[in-house]
Amino acid sequence: MAELFVLYLHLLAALYAFTQRWQERGLREGILAVLLVGMVFLLVWTLSGALVRLLIAQPKLTPWLTRDGLGLLLPLPLELWLFRALFLRPSAPPHTQPMAAPSASAPTVPNEHGEQHST
């Protein structure tokens, strides 16, 4: 039961991360965000699951919590902090460069009044 809850949280996090990055920076960034969430999920689950198996001998702790579930729940605060730092921060405005003033060597074209303007 706990495993399913944590899995759904990670699926929602991946969906949120994809949508946010996709809208801000494009499809490639959205896919990278999903891969990052998946990589963190797999690495943390592997490490914490191995640690819990070393510390707790019995596989089923309660009817709704097993060693694997505990291995998923223990690092959840760290994952939430990391998710908040990476995806819930306010987004910066896109970088815009100011338009450069026309240089003296730029070609000029007359407008309808005969005045010279740079292109």
N, C-alpha and C. Protein backbone atom coordinates (compact mmCIF):
# COMPACT_ATOMS: atom_id res chain seq x y z
N MET A 1 0.82 -1.20 0.00
CA MET A 1 0.00 0.00 0.00
C MET A 1 0.86 1.27 0.00
N ALA A 2 1.89 1.29 0.84
CA ALA A 2 2.77 2.46 0.89
C ALA A 2 3.55 2.59 -0.41
N GLU A 3 3.92 1.45 -1.01
CA GLU A 3 4.66 1.49 -2.27
C GLU A 3 3.83 2.16 -3.36
N LEU A 4 2.55 1.83 -3.40
CA LEU A 4 1.66 2.40 -4.40
C LEU A 4 1.50 3.90 -4.20
N PHE A 5 1.37 4.33 -2.96
CA PHE A 5 1.25 5.75 -2.66
C PHE A 5 2.48 6.52 -3.13
N VAL A 6 3.66 6.00 -2.83
CA VAL A 6 4.90 6.67 -3.23
C VAL A 6 5.07 6.63 -4.75
N LEU A 7 4.69 5.53 -5.37
CA LEU A 7 4.77 5.45 -6.83
C LEU A 7 3.87 6.51 -7.48
N TYR A 8 2.66 6.67 -6.97
CA TYR A 8 1.77 7.69 -7.52
C TYR A 8 2.32 9.10 -7.29
N LEU A 9 2.94 9.33 -6.14
CA LEU A 9 3.56 10.64 -5.91
C LEU A 9 4.66 10.92 -6.93
N HIS A 10 5.46 9.90 -7.23
CA HIS A 10 6.53 10.09 -8.21
C HIS A 10 5.97 10.27 -9.63
N LEU A 11 4.89 9.59 -9.95
CA LEU A 11 4.27 9.79 -11.26
C LEU A 11 3.72 11.21 -11.40
N LEU A 12 3.09 11.70 -10.35
CA LEU A 12 2.59 13.08 -10.37
C LEU A 12 3.74 14.08 -10.46
N ALA A 13 4.82 13.81 -9.75
CA ALA A 13 5.99 14.70 -9.80
C ALA A 13 6.58 14.71 -11.21
N ALA A 14 6.68 13.55 -11.83
CA ALA A 14 7.23 13.49 -13.19
C ALA A 14 6.32 14.22 -14.17
N LEU A 15 5.02 14.07 -14.02
CA LEU A 15 4.08 14.77 -14.89
C LEU A 15 4.17 16.28 -14.71
N TYR A 16 4.26 16.72 -13.46
CA TYR A 16 4.40 18.15 -13.19
C TYR A 16 5.71 18.69 -13.75
N ALA A 17 6.81 17.96 -13.52
CA ALA A 17 8.11 18.40 -14.00
C ALA A 17 8.12 18.49 -15.52
N PHE A 18 7.55 17.49 -16.19
CA PHE A 18 7.50 17.51 -17.65
C PHE A 18 6.71 18.70 -18.15
N THR A 19 5.53 18.91 -17.58
CA THR A 19 4.66 19.99 -18.04
C THR A 19 5.30 21.35 -17.83
N GLN A 20 5.89 21.54 -16.66
CA GLN A 20 6.51 22.83 -16.37
C GLN A 20 7.68 23.10 -17.32
N ARG A 21 8.58 22.15 -17.46
CA ARG A 21 9.75 22.37 -18.31
C ARG A 21 9.38 22.42 -19.79
N TRP A 22 8.38 21.65 -20.18
CA TRP A 22 7.94 21.67 -21.58
C TRP A 22 7.39 23.04 -21.95
N GLN A 23 6.57 23.62 -21.06
CA GLN A 23 5.98 24.92 -21.35
C GLN A 23 7.03 26.03 -21.32
N GLU A 24 8.01 25.93 -20.43
CA GLU A 24 9.00 26.98 -20.31
C GLU A 24 10.10 26.89 -21.35
N ARG A 25 10.59 25.65 -21.61
CA ARG A 25 11.80 25.53 -22.42
C ARG A 25 11.72 24.53 -23.55
N GLY A 26 10.61 23.84 -23.72
CA GLY A 26 10.48 22.96 -24.87
C GLY A 26 10.45 21.48 -24.49
N LEU A 27 10.22 20.66 -25.50
CA LEU A 27 10.03 19.23 -25.32
C LEU A 27 11.27 18.55 -24.76
N ARG A 28 12.43 18.92 -25.24
CA ARG A 28 13.68 18.28 -24.78
C ARG A 28 13.87 18.46 -23.28
N GLU A 29 13.64 19.66 -22.77
CA GLU A 29 13.77 19.91 -21.34
C GLU A 29 12.71 19.14 -20.54
N GLY A 30 11.51 18.98 -21.10
CA GLY A 30 10.48 18.20 -20.42
C GLY A 30 10.88 16.74 -20.29
N ILE A 31 11.44 16.18 -21.34
CA ILE A 31 11.88 14.80 -21.30
C ILE A 31 13.04 14.64 -20.32
N LEU A 32 13.96 15.59 -20.30
CA LEU A 32 15.06 15.53 -19.33
C LEU A 32 14.56 15.62 -17.90
N ALA A 33 13.53 16.40 -17.65
CA ALA A 33 12.97 16.50 -16.30
C ALA A 33 12.37 15.17 -15.86
N VAL A 34 11.67 14.49 -16.76
CA VAL A 34 11.10 13.17 -16.44
C VAL A 34 12.21 12.17 -16.17
N LEU A 35 13.26 12.21 -16.97
CA LEU A 35 14.38 11.30 -16.75
C LEU A 35 15.08 11.58 -15.42
N LEU A 36 15.17 12.85 -15.04
CA LEU A 36 15.77 13.18 -13.75
C LEU A 36 14.94 12.65 -12.59
N VAL A 37 13.62 12.84 -12.65
CA VAL A 37 12.75 12.33 -11.59
C VAL A 37 12.85 10.81 -11.52
N GLY A 38 12.85 10.14 -12.67
CA GLY A 38 12.97 8.68 -12.68
C GLY A 38 14.30 8.21 -12.14
N MET A 39 15.37 8.90 -12.49
CA MET A 39 16.69 8.50 -12.01
C MET A 39 16.80 8.66 -10.50
N VAL A 40 16.31 9.77 -9.97
CA VAL A 40 16.34 9.98 -8.52
C VAL A 40 15.50 8.90 -7.83
N PHE A 41 14.33 8.60 -8.37
CA PHE A 41 13.46 7.58 -7.79
C PHE A 41 14.18 6.23 -7.73
N LEU A 42 14.78 5.82 -8.83
CA LEU A 42 15.43 4.51 -8.87
C LEU A 42 16.67 4.45 -7.98
N LEU A 43 17.48 5.48 -8.01
CA LEU A 43 18.69 5.47 -7.18
C LEU A 43 18.37 5.49 -5.69
N VAL A 44 17.46 6.35 -5.30
CA VAL A 44 17.12 6.46 -3.88
C VAL A 44 16.44 5.19 -3.38
N TRP A 45 15.55 4.62 -4.19
CA TRP A 45 14.87 3.40 -3.78
C TRP A 45 15.87 2.25 -3.64
N THR A 46 16.82 2.16 -4.56
CA THR A 46 17.82 1.10 -4.49
C THR A 46 18.68 1.23 -3.23
N LEU A 47 19.18 2.43 -2.96
CA LEU A 47 20.04 2.63 -1.80
C LEU A 47 19.30 2.48 -0.48
N SER A 48 18.13 3.10 -0.38
CA SER A 48 17.39 3.02 0.89
C SER A 48 16.82 1.62 1.10
N GLY A 49 16.42 0.93 0.03
CA GLY A 49 15.92 -0.43 0.17
C GLY A 49 16.99 -1.38 0.68
N ALA A 50 18.21 -1.23 0.17
CA ALA A 50 19.31 -2.07 0.64
C ALA A 50 19.62 -1.77 2.11
N LEU A 51 19.57 -0.52 2.51
CA LEU A 51 19.83 -0.15 3.90
C LEU A 51 18.75 -0.71 4.82
N VAL A 52 17.50 -0.62 4.42
CA VAL A 52 16.40 -1.14 5.25
C VAL A 52 16.50 -2.66 5.37
N ARG A 53 16.88 -3.35 4.30
CA ARG A 53 17.02 -4.81 4.36
C ARG A 53 18.13 -5.23 5.32
N LEU A 54 19.16 -4.41 5.43
CA LEU A 54 20.23 -4.71 6.38
C LEU A 54 19.79 -4.50 7.82
N LEU A 55 18.94 -3.51 8.05
CA LEU A 55 18.55 -3.16 9.42
C LEU A 55 17.32 -3.93 9.92
N ILE A 56 16.42 -4.31 9.05
CA ILE A 56 15.17 -4.95 9.46
C ILE A 56 15.10 -6.33 8.82
N ALA A 57 14.93 -7.34 9.66
CA ALA A 57 14.95 -8.73 9.18
C ALA A 57 13.62 -9.18 8.60
N GLN A 58 12.52 -8.83 9.26
CA GLN A 58 11.22 -9.34 8.81
C GLN A 58 10.72 -8.57 7.59
N PRO A 59 10.22 -9.28 6.57
CA PRO A 59 9.82 -8.59 5.32
C PRO A 59 8.54 -7.78 5.45
N LYS A 60 7.61 -8.18 6.31
CA LYS A 60 6.33 -7.46 6.42
C LYS A 60 6.22 -6.88 7.82
N LEU A 61 6.17 -5.56 7.91
CA LEU A 61 6.10 -4.89 9.20
C LEU A 61 4.66 -4.77 9.70
N THR A 62 3.77 -4.32 8.86
CA THR A 62 2.34 -4.21 9.16
C THR A 62 1.58 -4.69 7.92
N PRO A 63 0.26 -4.79 8.00
CA PRO A 63 -0.48 -5.20 6.80
C PRO A 63 -0.32 -4.25 5.61
N TRP A 64 -0.01 -2.99 5.85
CA TRP A 64 0.11 -2.03 4.77
C TRP A 64 1.53 -1.52 4.54
N LEU A 65 2.50 -1.98 5.34
CA LEU A 65 3.87 -1.50 5.21
C LEU A 65 4.85 -2.67 5.20
N THR A 66 5.64 -2.75 4.15
CA THR A 66 6.69 -3.76 4.04
C THR A 66 8.06 -3.08 4.10
N ARG A 67 9.11 -3.90 4.03
CA ARG A 67 10.45 -3.32 4.01
C ARG A 67 10.65 -2.42 2.79
N ASP A 68 10.14 -2.85 1.65
CA ASP A 68 10.26 -2.03 0.44
C ASP A 68 9.52 -0.71 0.58
N GLY A 69 8.34 -0.77 1.19
CA GLY A 69 7.58 0.46 1.41
C GLY A 69 8.31 1.40 2.35
N LEU A 70 8.92 0.85 3.38
CA LEU A 70 9.70 1.68 4.29
C LEU A 70 10.92 2.26 3.59
N GLY A 71 11.52 1.47 2.71
CA GLY A 71 12.64 1.97 1.92
C GLY A 71 12.24 3.11 0.99
N LEU A 72 10.99 3.15 0.58
CA LEU A 72 10.50 4.26 -0.26
C LEU A 72 10.09 5.47 0.58
N LEU A 73 9.57 5.22 1.78
CA LEU A 73 9.08 6.32 2.61
C LEU A 73 10.20 7.08 3.32
N LEU A 74 11.28 6.41 3.69
CA LEU A 74 12.34 7.08 4.43
C LEU A 74 12.99 8.24 3.66
N PRO A 75 13.33 8.08 2.40
CA PRO A 75 13.97 9.21 1.71
C PRO A 75 13.00 10.22 1.12
N LEU A 76 11.71 10.05 1.37
CA LEU A 76 10.71 10.95 0.77
C LEU A 76 10.93 12.42 1.15
N PRO A 77 11.27 12.76 2.40
CA PRO A 77 11.52 14.18 2.69
C PRO A 77 12.68 14.77 1.88
N LEU A 78 13.74 14.00 1.69
CA LEU A 78 14.86 14.47 0.87
C LEU A 78 14.43 14.66 -0.58
N GLU A 79 13.64 13.74 -1.11
CA GLU A 79 13.16 13.86 -2.48
C GLU A 79 12.23 15.06 -2.63
N LEU A 80 11.37 15.29 -1.64
CA LEU A 80 10.48 16.45 -1.70
C LEU A 80 11.27 17.75 -1.68
N TRP A 81 12.32 17.82 -0.87
CA TRP A 81 13.16 19.01 -0.84
C TRP A 81 13.84 19.22 -2.19
N LEU A 82 14.36 18.15 -2.77
CA LEU A 82 15.02 18.24 -4.06
C LEU A 82 14.04 18.66 -5.16
N PHE A 83 12.84 18.08 -5.15
CA PHE A 83 11.83 18.45 -6.14
C PHE A 83 11.45 19.92 -6.00
N ARG A 84 11.31 20.36 -4.76
CA ARG A 84 10.95 21.76 -4.53
C ARG A 84 12.06 22.69 -5.03
N ALA A 85 13.31 22.30 -4.79
CA ALA A 85 14.42 23.14 -5.22
C ALA A 85 14.55 23.18 -6.74
N LEU A 86 14.22 22.08 -7.42
CA LEU A 86 14.41 22.02 -8.87
C LEU A 86 13.21 22.50 -9.67
N PHE A 87 12.00 22.20 -9.20
CA PHE A 87 10.84 22.42 -10.05
C PHE A 87 9.80 23.41 -9.48
N LEU A 88 9.82 23.70 -8.20
CA LEU A 88 8.80 24.58 -7.64
C LEU A 88 9.31 25.99 -7.39
N ARG A 89 10.51 26.29 -7.82
CA ARG A 89 11.03 27.65 -7.66
C ARG A 89 10.42 28.54 -8.73
N PRO A 90 10.34 29.84 -8.47
CA PRO A 90 9.79 30.72 -9.50
C PRO A 90 10.70 30.71 -10.72
N SER A 91 10.08 30.70 -11.86
CA SER A 91 10.87 30.63 -13.10
C SER A 91 11.38 32.02 -13.46
N ALA A 92 12.57 32.05 -14.00
CA ALA A 92 13.18 33.31 -14.43
C ALA A 92 12.63 33.69 -15.80
N PRO A 93 12.51 34.97 -16.07
CA PRO A 93 12.03 35.36 -17.40
C PRO A 93 13.05 34.94 -18.46
N PRO A 94 12.60 34.67 -19.66
CA PRO A 94 13.54 34.27 -20.69
C PRO A 94 14.55 35.38 -20.95
N HIS A 95 15.76 34.97 -21.25
CA HIS A 95 16.82 35.94 -21.51
C HIS A 95 16.57 36.62 -22.85
N THR A 96 16.52 37.93 -22.80
CA THR A 96 16.34 38.69 -24.03
C THR A 96 17.52 39.62 -24.18
N GLN A 97 17.99 39.75 -25.37
CA GLN A 97 19.09 40.66 -25.64
C GLN A 97 18.52 41.96 -26.17
N PRO A 98 19.05 43.07 -25.68
CA PRO A 98 18.55 44.35 -26.21
C PRO A 98 18.95 44.48 -27.67
N MET A 99 18.12 45.17 -28.41
CA MET A 99 18.41 45.37 -29.82
C MET A 99 19.59 46.33 -29.93
N ALA A 100 20.51 45.96 -30.76
CA ALA A 100 21.70 46.80 -30.96
C ALA A 100 21.35 48.00 -31.83
N ALA A 101 21.99 49.09 -31.54
CA ALA A 101 21.79 50.29 -32.36
C ALA A 101 22.42 50.05 -33.72
N PRO A 102 21.80 50.57 -34.77
CA PRO A 102 22.38 50.34 -36.10
C PRO A 102 23.77 50.95 -36.19
N SER A 103 24.65 50.22 -36.78
CA SER A 103 26.03 50.71 -36.91
C SER A 103 26.12 51.65 -38.11
N ALA A 104 27.22 52.37 -38.16
CA ALA A 104 27.42 53.33 -39.24
C ALA A 104 27.61 52.62 -40.58
N SER A 105 28.07 51.36 -40.54
CA SER A 105 28.32 50.66 -41.79
C SER A 105 27.09 49.91 -42.30
N ALA A 106 25.97 49.99 -41.59
CA ALA A 106 24.77 49.30 -42.03
C ALA A 106 24.21 49.98 -43.27
N PRO A 107 23.74 49.21 -44.25
CA PRO A 107 23.19 49.82 -45.45
C PRO A 107 21.91 50.58 -45.13
N THR A 108 21.67 51.63 -45.84
CA THR A 108 20.47 52.45 -45.64
C THR A 108 19.57 52.35 -46.85
N VAL A 109 18.28 52.46 -46.59
CA VAL A 109 17.27 52.37 -47.63
C VAL A 109 16.34 53.56 -47.47
N PRO A 110 16.00 54.25 -48.55
CA PRO A 110 15.08 55.38 -48.42
C PRO A 110 13.66 54.88 -48.16
N ASN A 111 12.92 55.60 -47.31
CA ASN A 111 11.52 55.28 -47.09
C ASN A 111 10.66 56.06 -48.09
N GLU A 112 9.33 56.04 -47.90
CA GLU A 112 8.47 56.69 -48.87
C GLU A 112 8.63 58.20 -48.90
N HIS A 113 9.23 58.80 -47.87
CA HIS A 113 9.46 60.23 -47.84
C HIS A 113 10.86 60.61 -48.32
N GLY A 114 11.64 59.63 -48.71
CA GLY A 114 12.98 59.90 -49.22
C GLY A 114 14.05 59.94 -48.14
N GLU A 115 13.66 59.70 -46.86
CA GLU A 115 14.65 59.71 -45.78
C GLU A 115 15.40 58.40 -45.75
N GLN A 116 16.66 58.46 -45.41
CA GLN A 116 17.50 57.25 -45.34
C GLN A 116 17.33 56.58 -43.99
N HIS A 117 17.01 55.26 -43.97
CA HIS A 117 16.91 54.46 -42.74
C HIS A 117 17.74 53.20 -42.93
N SER A 118 18.33 52.76 -41.83
CA SER A 118 19.11 51.52 -41.92
C SER A 118 18.16 50.32 -41.92
N THR A 119 18.62 49.24 -42.53
CA THR A 119 17.79 48.04 -42.61
C THR A 119 17.98 47.14 -41.43
